[in-house]
Amino acid sequence: MDNQPTQLDNLARAGLGVGSLAHAPLLRAPEKVRTIFLVTIAAACLPLAAGIVFFGYRAAWVAAVAMISCAAIERLYFQITHIPSLLGRSHAYLTGLLLALTLPPFTPWYVVVIGSAFAIIIGKAIFGGVGHFLWQPALVGRFAVAVIMPALIAPPAASSLQPDRWPILAMSHLVFGDIDQAQPIRRYQGWQEQFEKDQARFNRKKIRQLPSGYLVEHPAAALARLTDPRHEPAYSALARVRADIPGRKPTALSQLPPLNDMLFGARPGGIGETCAAAIIAAGLYLIYRNYVKWQLPVLFLLAAAVVAAVAPVRLAGPGGSVEWVYFPILYDGLNVPATLGAGFTYVNYQILSGGMLLAAFFLATEMTSSPVTTGGQIIFGLGCGAVAMLIKLYLDTPIPAYLAVLA
């Protein structure tokens, strides 16, 4: 037995002596599955934190309920079915967190629990758990909630007459404010600007207290009407209005939150959908850790942007007529003073709303349900992005990007 070759002897025969191994290792040991899940959870906490800032404690409550429900339901399911414990291979907490990021902050707790049950049981457990499911489990739960209980994830009663208006907190009530106390406003010109107006009115004692929050039209809902043939456009879709339109109707883009609000999250949406800056930062970190290949999210967003740039938009014409404008990104050129240009701004709004960024960086990139090869991820990203934008433009659904990933 003493004469048997050792591992070092075998390396020497292969020409790999101690000297050749004295530097960096030849192969990098793969990270543990549990580590990948924990790092992804940490990254997803960044858009969650932004959601808590703008939607208050209710966002944290929805996230906590979703994560605890997913973990408890998974444990109960495997106990009932007598399947061995997943131990460190369970990513129920990650599933719950991603589900919470897709939900509105005013979602009732029991709706969150039902969505969690669908995510864990239908989305994952019946296929054998981690590494075997066909669809992103969190999206299965979100889809089930949207189909079975759409009325239960509608905005608070204060906006019942205007269901397209969703709440955000005012600047004076961040984190601890109650979005159920949000007040409707006629025209939302921006989070900072609205607060300054309220502060001035409060200082002049025209109002007794600063508003807890605002009911603001959801950008995706406003943009959807511009391409929906069932509705006559009340105003021009693009930022520059044609001179031959009687009365110079107001523009849609001027009614939406400013682009800086879209970037930093001061606008309506799902808990983790609104802060584009947080989603991009978290996504870049996952790319840096090599948990996500850059091709998938980049091509997802590129395909969506191309479709938004060329897909026709309805425009109010003279005498109440309606015309279709093709290649909206080129409408009236891009040389608009002090702006990015009508068409380019329109495309930005389409990309920054409707859960596009969250789907691109966190949901379409699920390791089990997305392609493994780079070529497959390129095709998958292009297909998801294009389909997501087409659904967003021409179908009436609050979850266009999520449907594209599931499809």
Protein backbone atom coordinates (compact mmCIF):
# COMPACT_ATOMS: atom_id res chain seq x y z
CA MET A 1 0.00 0.00 0.00
CA ASP A 2 2.92 2.32 0.71
CA ASN A 3 4.06 1.97 -2.90
CA GLN A 4 0.80 3.22 -4.38
CA PRO A 5 1.21 6.54 -6.26
CA THR A 6 -0.01 9.57 -4.43
CA GLN A 7 -2.02 12.43 -5.95
CA LEU A 8 1.19 14.47 -6.09
CA ASP A 9 2.89 11.67 -8.07
CA ASN A 10 0.04 11.64 -10.57
CA LEU A 11 0.31 15.42 -11.01
CA ALA A 12 4.07 15.11 -11.56
CA ARG A 13 3.59 12.46 -14.27
CA ALA A 14 1.14 14.83 -16.00
CA GLY A 15 3.80 17.54 -15.98
CA LEU A 16 2.18 19.47 -13.15
CA GLY A 17 4.74 19.57 -10.39
CA VAL A 18 4.55 21.60 -7.21
CA GLY A 19 6.21 24.54 -8.92
CA SER A 20 3.53 24.73 -11.60
CA LEU A 21 0.83 24.87 -8.91
CA ALA A 22 2.57 27.44 -6.75
CA HIS A 23 0.58 30.32 -8.18
CA ALA A 24 -3.17 30.75 -8.65
CA PRO A 25 -5.39 27.62 -8.72
CA LEU A 26 -6.11 26.20 -12.15
CA LEU A 27 -9.84 25.88 -11.49
CA ARG A 28 -12.19 27.93 -9.39
CA ALA A 29 -14.33 25.89 -7.08
CA PRO A 30 -18.03 26.53 -7.69
CA GLU A 31 -19.85 28.55 -5.08
CA LYS A 32 -22.35 26.80 -2.89
CA VAL A 33 -26.00 26.99 -3.88
CA ARG A 34 -26.84 28.54 -0.54
CA THR A 35 -24.28 31.30 -1.15
CA ILE A 36 -25.83 32.12 -4.51
CA PHE A 37 -29.28 32.38 -2.94
CA LEU A 38 -28.06 34.58 -0.10
CA VAL A 39 -26.19 36.94 -2.41
CA THR A 40 -29.22 37.22 -4.69
CA ILE A 41 -31.42 37.97 -1.69
CA ALA A 42 -28.99 40.68 -0.62
CA ALA A 43 -29.11 42.21 -4.10
CA ALA A 44 -32.92 42.06 -4.21
CA CYS A 45 -33.05 43.90 -0.89
CA LEU A 46 -31.84 47.05 -2.66
CA PRO A 47 -35.04 47.61 -4.69
CA LEU A 48 -36.99 46.46 -1.63
CA ALA A 49 -35.35 49.21 0.44
CA ALA A 50 -36.32 51.77 -2.20
CA GLY A 51 -39.88 50.47 -2.08
CA ILE A 52 -39.98 50.86 1.70
CA VAL A 53 -38.80 54.46 1.36
CA PHE A 54 -41.57 55.46 -1.06
CA PHE A 55 -44.37 53.14 0.11
CA GLY A 56 -43.65 52.95 3.82
CA TYR A 57 -43.93 50.13 6.31
CA ARG A 58 -46.60 48.39 4.23
CA ALA A 59 -43.95 47.43 1.69
CA ALA A 60 -41.85 45.83 4.42
CA TRP A 61 -44.94 44.05 5.75
CA VAL A 62 -45.78 42.56 2.33
CA ALA A 63 -42.18 41.37 1.90
CA ALA A 64 -42.08 39.79 5.36
CA VAL A 65 -45.40 37.99 4.85
CA ALA A 66 -44.31 36.68 1.45
CA MET A 67 -40.94 35.37 2.64
CA ILE A 68 -42.31 33.73 5.79
CA SER A 69 -45.26 32.24 3.90
CA CYS A 70 -43.07 30.74 1.19
CA ALA A 71 -40.72 29.16 3.72
CA ALA A 72 -43.56 27.79 5.85
CA ILE A 73 -45.55 26.46 2.89
CA GLU A 74 -42.50 24.74 1.42
CA ARG A 75 -41.64 23.10 4.74
CA LEU A 76 -45.24 21.95 5.23
CA TYR A 77 -45.47 20.59 1.69
CA PHE A 78 -42.34 18.48 2.00
CA GLN A 79 -43.42 17.21 5.42
CA ILE A 80 -46.78 16.10 4.04
CA THR A 81 -45.25 14.48 0.96
CA HIS A 82 -42.40 12.92 3.01
CA ILE A 83 -39.78 14.36 0.68
CA PRO A 84 -36.40 14.88 2.38
CA SER A 85 -35.63 18.40 3.53
CA LEU A 86 -33.92 20.63 1.01
CA LEU A 87 -31.68 22.09 3.73
CA GLY A 88 -29.38 24.68 2.15
CA ARG A 89 -30.82 24.10 -1.32
CA SER A 90 -34.13 25.77 -0.52
CA HIS A 91 -34.65 29.21 -1.95
CA ALA A 92 -38.12 29.80 -0.52
CA TYR A 93 -37.06 33.08 1.05
CA LEU A 94 -35.75 34.31 -2.29
CA THR A 95 -38.98 33.26 -4.00
CA GLY A 96 -41.00 35.15 -1.40
CA LEU A 97 -38.87 38.27 -1.74
CA LEU A 98 -39.13 38.31 -5.54
CA LEU A 99 -42.89 37.78 -5.32
CA ALA A 100 -43.17 40.73 -2.94
CA LEU A 101 -41.20 42.96 -5.31
CA THR A 102 -43.82 42.39 -8.02
CA LEU A 103 -46.82 43.16 -5.79
CA PRO A 104 -48.36 46.55 -5.00
CA PRO A 105 -47.63 47.80 -1.47
CA PHE A 106 -51.33 47.82 -0.57
CA THR A 107 -51.81 44.07 -1.25
CA PRO A 108 -53.74 42.38 1.62
CA TRP A 109 -51.77 39.84 3.63
CA TYR A 110 -54.02 36.90 2.70
CA VAL A 111 -53.53 37.63 -1.00
CA VAL A 112 -49.77 37.50 -0.42
CA VAL A 113 -50.15 34.12 1.32
CA ILE A 114 -52.22 32.72 -1.57
CA GLY A 115 -49.68 33.98 -4.08
CA SER A 116 -46.92 32.37 -2.03
CA ALA A 117 -48.76 29.04 -2.05
CA PHE A 118 -49.03 29.09 -5.84
CA ALA A 119 -45.38 30.10 -6.16
CA ILE A 120 -44.10 27.28 -3.96
CA ILE A 121 -46.48 24.43 -4.78
CA ILE A 122 -47.47 25.02 -8.41
CA GLY A 123 -44.37 26.92 -9.44
CA LYS A 124 -41.72 24.76 -7.82
CA ALA A 125 -42.53 21.87 -5.49
CA ILE A 126 -44.59 19.71 -7.85
CA PHE A 127 -41.67 19.70 -10.29
CA GLY A 128 -39.23 18.48 -7.65
CA GLY A 129 -37.97 21.71 -6.14
CA VAL A 130 -34.83 23.70 -6.87
CA GLY A 131 -33.28 22.93 -10.24
CA HIS A 132 -36.34 21.23 -11.73
CA PHE A 133 -39.14 23.77 -12.20
CA LEU A 134 -40.18 25.11 -15.61
CA TRP A 135 -41.22 28.67 -14.76
CA GLN A 136 -39.96 31.33 -12.40
CA PRO A 137 -41.86 30.42 -9.19
CA ALA A 138 -42.39 34.01 -8.03
CA LEU A 139 -44.01 34.85 -11.37
CA VAL A 140 -46.30 31.84 -11.09
CA GLY A 141 -47.57 33.28 -7.81
CA ARG A 142 -47.89 36.78 -9.26
CA PHE A 143 -49.78 35.49 -12.29
CA ALA A 144 -52.16 33.47 -10.09
CA VAL A 145 -52.95 36.53 -7.98
CA ALA A 146 -53.53 38.68 -11.06
CA VAL A 147 -55.93 36.14 -12.59
CA ILE A 148 -57.81 34.88 -9.54
CA MET A 149 -57.98 38.01 -7.36
CA PRO A 150 -57.41 41.12 -9.49
CA ALA A 151 -59.84 43.19 -7.42
CA LEU A 152 -57.94 42.42 -4.21
CA ILE A 153 -54.77 44.06 -5.48
CA ALA A 154 -56.58 47.18 -6.64
CA PRO A 155 -55.57 50.55 -5.18
CA PRO A 156 -57.03 51.72 -1.85
CA ALA A 157 -60.61 52.92 -1.57
CA ALA A 158 -59.53 56.54 -1.86
CA SER A 159 -58.77 55.98 -5.53
CA SER A 160 -61.75 53.74 -6.32
CA LEU A 161 -63.14 56.32 -8.74
CA GLN A 162 -59.80 56.43 -10.54
CA PRO A 163 -58.37 52.89 -10.45
CA ASP A 164 -55.35 53.91 -12.52
CA ARG A 165 -54.13 56.12 -9.66
CA TRP A 166 -51.81 54.42 -7.17
CA PRO A 167 -50.34 55.84 -3.95
CA ILE A 168 -46.84 56.96 -3.08
CA LEU A 169 -45.67 58.65 0.10
CA ALA A 170 -45.05 62.37 0.28
CA MET A 171 -41.53 63.56 1.05
CA SER A 172 -42.51 64.44 4.62
CA HIS A 173 -43.78 60.92 5.39
CA LEU A 174 -41.09 58.60 4.06
CA VAL A 175 -40.83 55.03 5.41
CA PHE A 176 -43.31 55.53 8.27
CA GLY A 177 -46.12 57.10 6.28
CA ASP A 178 -49.43 55.38 5.53
CA ILE A 179 -50.19 55.10 1.82
CA ASP A 180 -53.87 54.51 2.62
CA GLN A 181 -53.98 58.20 3.54
CA ALA A 182 -52.78 59.31 0.11
CA GLN A 183 -54.67 62.20 -1.46
CA PRO A 184 -55.57 62.56 -5.14
CA ILE A 185 -54.01 65.53 -6.93
CA ARG A 186 -55.13 67.07 -10.19
CA ARG A 187 -51.80 67.19 -11.94
CA TYR A 188 -48.65 65.51 -10.72
CA GLN A 189 -45.64 67.46 -11.93
CA GLY A 190 -43.05 65.68 -9.84
CA TRP A 191 -42.40 64.46 -6.34
CA GLN A 192 -40.06 67.28 -5.32
CA GLU A 193 -42.20 69.96 -6.95
CA GLN A 194 -45.38 68.68 -5.34
CA PHE A 195 -43.80 68.68 -1.89
CA GLU A 196 -42.52 72.24 -2.34
CA LYS A 197 -46.03 73.39 -3.25
CA ASP A 198 -47.51 71.65 -0.21
CA GLN A 199 -44.78 73.05 2.04
CA ALA A 200 -45.50 76.57 0.82
CA ARG A 201 -49.23 76.12 1.42
CA PHE A 202 -48.52 74.72 4.88
CA ASN A 203 -46.27 77.66 5.75
CA ARG A 204 -49.02 80.07 4.70
CA LYS A 205 -51.43 78.05 6.90
CA LYS A 206 -53.66 77.21 3.96
CA ILE A 207 -53.51 73.56 4.98
CA ARG A 208 -53.34 72.16 8.51
CA GLN A 209 -50.85 69.39 7.84
CA LEU A 210 -48.69 68.08 5.05
CA PRO A 211 -50.24 65.23 3.01
CA SER A 212 -49.18 61.72 3.93
CA GLY A 213 -49.07 60.67 0.30
CA TYR A 214 -50.30 61.28 -3.22
CA LEU A 215 -52.49 59.30 -5.57
CA VAL A 216 -50.68 59.46 -8.89
CA GLU A 217 -51.62 57.94 -12.21
CA HIS A 218 -49.66 54.78 -12.83
CA PRO A 219 -47.27 55.49 -15.75
CA ALA A 220 -47.95 52.13 -17.37
CA ALA A 221 -51.70 52.78 -17.28
CA ALA A 222 -51.32 56.22 -18.84
CA LEU A 223 -49.04 54.92 -21.58
CA ALA A 224 -51.33 51.97 -22.31
CA ARG A 225 -54.19 54.23 -23.34
CA LEU A 226 -52.05 55.82 -26.02
CA THR A 227 -51.95 52.63 -28.08
CA ASP A 228 -55.29 51.07 -27.13
CA PRO A 229 -57.70 51.32 -30.11
CA ARG A 230 -60.69 51.05 -27.76
CA HIS A 231 -60.01 54.52 -26.37
CA GLU A 232 -59.86 57.79 -28.21
CA PRO A 233 -56.69 59.67 -27.25
CA ALA A 234 -57.54 62.60 -25.00
CA TYR A 235 -54.18 64.15 -25.74
CA SER A 236 -51.15 63.69 -27.91
CA ALA A 237 -48.98 60.69 -27.14
CA LEU A 238 -45.75 62.51 -27.78
CA ALA A 239 -44.15 65.55 -26.26
CA ARG A 240 -44.49 67.89 -29.24
CA VAL A 241 -48.02 68.63 -30.42
CA ARG A 242 -48.68 69.29 -34.09
CA ALA A 243 -49.57 72.87 -34.88
CA ASP A 244 -52.71 71.88 -36.81
CA ILE A 245 -54.36 70.26 -33.77
CA PRO A 246 -57.22 72.52 -32.63
CA GLY A 247 -56.79 73.85 -29.12
CA ARG A 248 -53.24 72.58 -28.79
CA LYS A 249 -54.22 69.60 -26.66
CA PRO A 250 -51.96 68.79 -23.71
CA THR A 251 -49.37 66.07 -24.09
CA ALA A 252 -49.32 62.71 -22.38
CA LEU A 253 -45.67 62.88 -21.45
CA SER A 254 -46.22 66.15 -19.62
CA GLN A 255 -48.79 64.41 -17.42
CA LEU A 256 -46.40 61.65 -16.34
CA PRO A 257 -43.86 61.86 -13.52
CA PRO A 258 -40.53 63.42 -14.53
CA LEU A 259 -37.86 61.02 -15.70
CA ASN A 260 -35.81 61.57 -12.55
CA ASP A 261 -38.79 60.32 -10.52
CA MET A 262 -38.95 57.28 -12.79
CA LEU A 263 -35.26 56.62 -12.17
CA PHE A 264 -35.28 57.00 -8.40
CA GLY A 265 -38.67 55.51 -7.58
CA ALA A 266 -41.00 58.38 -6.64
CA ARG A 267 -43.90 57.06 -8.69
CA PRO A 268 -46.55 54.32 -8.49
CA GLY A 269 -45.83 50.67 -9.15
CA GLY A 270 -44.96 47.38 -7.52
CA ILE A 271 -42.80 47.44 -4.41
CA GLY A 272 -39.61 46.59 -6.28
CA GLU A 273 -40.51 47.96 -9.71
CA THR A 274 -40.27 51.69 -9.27
CA CYS A 275 -36.65 52.54 -8.45
CA ALA A 276 -34.78 51.92 -11.69
CA ALA A 277 -31.46 53.01 -10.19
CA ALA A 278 -31.70 50.41 -7.40
CA ILE A 279 -32.65 47.61 -9.81
CA ILE A 280 -29.81 48.43 -12.19
CA ALA A 281 -27.26 48.65 -9.37
CA ALA A 282 -28.40 45.31 -7.94
CA GLY A 283 -28.40 43.73 -11.39
CA LEU A 284 -24.89 44.94 -12.14
CA TYR A 285 -23.71 43.41 -8.87
CA LEU A 286 -25.19 40.04 -9.85
CA ILE A 287 -23.43 40.32 -13.21
CA TYR A 288 -20.19 41.13 -11.41
CA ARG A 289 -20.60 38.04 -9.24
CA ASN A 290 -21.19 36.03 -12.43
CA TYR A 291 -24.63 34.89 -11.26
CA VAL A 292 -26.20 36.62 -14.26
CA LYS A 293 -24.81 36.77 -17.78
CA TRP A 294 -24.97 40.32 -19.07
CA GLN A 295 -26.34 39.27 -22.45
CA LEU A 296 -29.78 38.33 -21.15
CA PRO A 297 -30.84 41.53 -19.33
CA VAL A 298 -29.11 43.84 -21.82
CA LEU A 299 -30.74 42.23 -24.86
CA PHE A 300 -34.07 42.00 -23.02
CA LEU A 301 -34.09 45.77 -22.56
CA LEU A 302 -32.64 46.45 -26.02
CA ALA A 303 -35.34 44.41 -27.74
CA ALA A 304 -38.04 46.11 -25.68
CA ALA A 305 -36.63 49.54 -26.55
CA VAL A 306 -36.53 48.75 -30.27
CA VAL A 307 -40.15 47.61 -30.26
CA ALA A 308 -41.22 50.73 -28.36
CA ALA A 309 -39.26 52.88 -30.81
CA VAL A 310 -40.92 51.49 -33.94
CA ALA A 311 -44.35 50.24 -32.82
CA PRO A 312 -47.16 52.61 -33.88
CA VAL A 313 -48.63 55.15 -31.46
CA ARG A 314 -52.04 56.81 -31.84
CA LEU A 315 -52.00 60.57 -32.11
CA ALA A 316 -54.85 63.04 -31.80
CA GLY A 317 -55.38 64.67 -35.18
CA PRO A 318 -57.27 67.72 -36.45
CA GLY A 319 -61.02 67.81 -35.95
CA GLY A 320 -60.97 64.98 -33.42
CA SER A 321 -59.46 62.49 -35.85
CA VAL A 322 -56.95 59.83 -34.86
CA GLU A 323 -53.85 58.87 -36.78
CA TRP A 324 -51.22 56.23 -36.23
CA VAL A 325 -47.62 57.39 -36.00
CA TYR A 326 -45.02 54.80 -36.96
CA PHE A 327 -41.46 54.99 -35.63
CA PRO A 328 -42.46 57.23 -32.71
CA ILE A 329 -38.83 57.67 -31.70
CA LEU A 330 -38.38 59.82 -34.82
CA TYR A 331 -41.55 61.84 -34.38
CA ASP A 332 -40.81 65.55 -34.87
CA GLY A 333 -37.11 64.75 -34.71
CA LEU A 334 -34.96 64.66 -31.60
CA ASN A 335 -33.95 68.31 -31.57
CA VAL A 336 -36.32 69.45 -28.86
CA PRO A 337 -34.77 72.27 -26.80
CA ALA A 338 -33.90 71.41 -23.20
CA THR A 339 -35.27 67.87 -23.52
CA LEU A 340 -34.14 64.48 -24.72
CA GLY A 341 -36.63 64.63 -27.56
CA ALA A 342 -40.23 63.52 -27.76
CA GLY A 343 -39.67 60.06 -29.20
CA PHE A 344 -36.64 59.21 -27.08
CA THR A 345 -38.43 60.34 -23.92
CA TYR A 346 -41.44 58.22 -24.84
CA VAL A 347 -39.23 55.13 -25.23
CA ASN A 348 -37.60 55.81 -21.86
CA TYR A 349 -41.00 55.88 -20.15
CA GLN A 350 -41.94 52.58 -21.74
CA ILE A 351 -38.73 50.90 -20.56
CA LEU A 352 -38.87 52.33 -17.03
CA SER A 353 -42.48 51.27 -16.36
CA GLY A 354 -44.39 48.01 -16.31
CA GLY A 355 -41.80 45.96 -14.42
CA MET A 356 -39.41 45.81 -17.39
CA LEU A 357 -36.20 46.31 -15.41
CA LEU A 358 -37.18 43.94 -12.60
CA ALA A 359 -38.04 41.25 -15.13
CA ALA A 360 -34.80 41.76 -17.06
CA PHE A 361 -32.39 41.59 -14.12
CA PHE A 362 -34.10 39.36 -11.54
CA LEU A 363 -36.90 37.27 -13.06
CA ALA A 364 -35.84 36.31 -16.58
CA THR A 365 -32.39 35.42 -15.24
CA GLU A 366 -33.58 32.66 -12.90
CA MET A 367 -30.87 29.98 -13.26
CA THR A 368 -33.26 27.03 -13.48
CA SER A 369 -35.88 28.38 -15.87
CA SER A 370 -33.57 30.34 -18.20
CA PRO A 371 -31.25 28.89 -20.88
CA VAL A 372 -27.78 27.77 -19.87
CA THR A 373 -25.78 28.59 -23.00
CA THR A 374 -24.89 32.11 -24.03
CA GLY A 375 -26.64 31.68 -27.38
CA GLY A 376 -29.78 30.47 -25.66
CA GLN A 377 -29.73 33.43 -23.29
CA ILE A 378 -29.35 35.83 -26.23
CA ILE A 379 -32.39 34.36 -27.98
CA PHE A 380 -34.36 34.20 -24.73
CA GLY A 381 -33.53 37.80 -23.83
CA LEU A 382 -34.45 39.16 -27.26
CA GLY A 383 -37.69 37.19 -27.34
CA CYS A 384 -38.75 38.14 -23.83
CA GLY A 385 -38.03 41.82 -24.35
CA ALA A 386 -39.87 42.06 -27.66
CA VAL A 387 -42.89 40.10 -26.44
CA ALA A 388 -43.01 42.06 -23.18
CA MET A 389 -43.19 45.38 -25.00
CA LEU A 390 -45.80 44.15 -27.49
CA ILE A 391 -47.98 42.93 -24.62
CA LYS A 392 -47.44 46.21 -22.80
CA LEU A 393 -48.44 48.27 -25.82
CA TYR A 394 -51.44 46.38 -27.11
CA LEU A 395 -52.89 44.15 -24.39
CA ASP A 396 -54.72 45.21 -21.25
CA THR A 397 -52.71 43.60 -18.46
CA PRO A 398 -50.85 45.00 -15.44
CA ILE A 399 -48.01 42.46 -15.74
CA PRO A 400 -46.76 42.53 -19.36
CA ALA A 401 -43.09 41.81 -18.66
CA TYR A 402 -43.92 38.99 -16.26
CA LEU A 403 -46.20 37.31 -18.80
CA ALA A 404 -43.45 37.46 -21.40
CA VAL A 405 -41.01 35.69 -19.06
CA LEU A 406 -43.57 33.01 -18.22
CA ALA A 407 -44.38 32.46 -21.88
